[in-house]
Amino acid sequence: MPREREAGEELEPVRGTHRTDWMALLSGMLFVALGALVLTGGLKDPLALVGLVVVGLGFSGLVAVIARIARRR
């Protein structure tokens, strides 16, 4: 329960938003999509699964690096 304000007391400043962690977001989406493909039987070749994981993680790492560079400017 929020505390009561006294007369003349100002509101607390609104907190800022946090930056998106692109590596975590894209990696999570990759593993959810690949998990769904494996569970539904859409992806049966283990070598293709490993290749998709490597390529997907490489892509998310690249996006994370580009986002970090863009934030600094």
Protein backbone atom coordinates (compact mmCIF):
# COMPACT_ATOMS: atom_id res chain seq x y z
CA MET A 1 0.00 0.00 0.00
CA PRO A 2 1.51 3.38 -0.98
CA ARG A 3 2.22 5.77 1.88
CA GLU A 4 0.12 8.89 2.29
CA ARG A 5 1.58 12.23 1.23
CA GLU A 6 1.67 15.24 3.45
CA ALA A 7 0.42 18.59 2.21
CA GLY A 8 2.90 20.18 -0.18
CA GLU A 9 4.98 17.03 -0.60
CA GLU A 10 5.99 16.36 -4.21
CA LEU A 11 5.46 13.08 -6.01
CA GLU A 12 8.45 10.79 -6.46
CA PRO A 13 10.06 11.04 -9.90
CA VAL A 14 8.97 8.48 -12.46
CA ARG A 15 11.58 5.77 -12.95
CA GLY A 16 13.18 5.47 -16.37
CA THR A 17 12.90 2.43 -18.57
CA HIS A 18 15.72 -0.07 -18.90
CA ARG A 19 17.58 -0.90 -22.07
CA THR A 20 16.60 -3.98 -24.02
CA ASP A 21 19.04 -6.88 -23.78
CA TRP A 22 18.93 -7.95 -27.42
CA MET A 23 21.18 -10.98 -26.96
CA ALA A 24 18.93 -12.45 -24.27
CA LEU A 25 15.71 -11.61 -26.11
CA LEU A 26 16.76 -13.08 -29.46
CA SER A 27 18.40 -16.14 -27.88
CA GLY A 28 15.23 -16.86 -25.92
CA MET A 29 13.11 -16.54 -29.02
CA LEU A 30 15.50 -18.84 -30.89
CA PHE A 31 15.31 -21.57 -28.26
CA VAL A 32 11.51 -21.32 -28.01
CA ALA A 33 11.15 -21.61 -31.80
CA LEU A 34 13.61 -24.49 -32.07
CA GLY A 35 11.98 -26.24 -29.12
CA ALA A 36 8.59 -25.94 -30.79
CA LEU A 37 10.01 -27.34 -34.04
CA VAL A 38 11.57 -30.31 -32.25
CA LEU A 39 8.42 -31.06 -30.23
CA THR A 40 6.13 -30.89 -33.26
CA GLY A 41 8.44 -33.05 -35.36
CA GLY A 42 9.22 -30.29 -37.85
CA LEU A 43 12.95 -30.63 -37.22
CA LYS A 44 14.32 -34.15 -36.94
CA ASP A 45 17.94 -33.79 -38.07
CA PRO A 46 20.27 -33.14 -35.09
CA LEU A 47 22.94 -31.66 -37.35
CA ALA A 48 20.47 -29.11 -38.72
CA LEU A 49 19.46 -28.26 -35.15
CA VAL A 50 23.06 -27.59 -34.14
CA GLY A 51 23.60 -25.49 -37.25
CA LEU A 52 20.50 -23.41 -36.57
CA VAL A 53 21.56 -22.85 -32.96
CA VAL A 54 25.04 -21.67 -34.01
CA VAL A 55 23.73 -19.39 -36.76
CA GLY A 56 20.94 -18.04 -34.52
CA LEU A 57 23.28 -17.27 -31.63
CA GLY A 58 25.72 -15.63 -34.02
CA PHE A 59 22.93 -13.45 -35.40
CA SER A 60 21.75 -12.43 -31.93
CA GLY A 61 25.32 -11.60 -30.93
CA LEU A 62 25.72 -9.44 -34.02
CA VAL A 63 22.47 -7.58 -33.28
CA ALA A 64 23.57 -7.06 -29.66
CA VAL A 65 26.91 -5.59 -30.76
CA ILE A 66 25.25 -3.28 -33.29
CA ALA A 67 22.71 -2.13 -30.67
CA ARG A 68 25.48 -1.38 -28.18
CA ILE A 69 27.41 0.65 -30.76
CA ALA A 70 24.26 2.57 -31.72
CA ARG A 71 23.51 3.37 -28.05
CA ARG A 72 26.91 4.94 -27.52
CA ARG A 73 26.40 7.46 -30.33
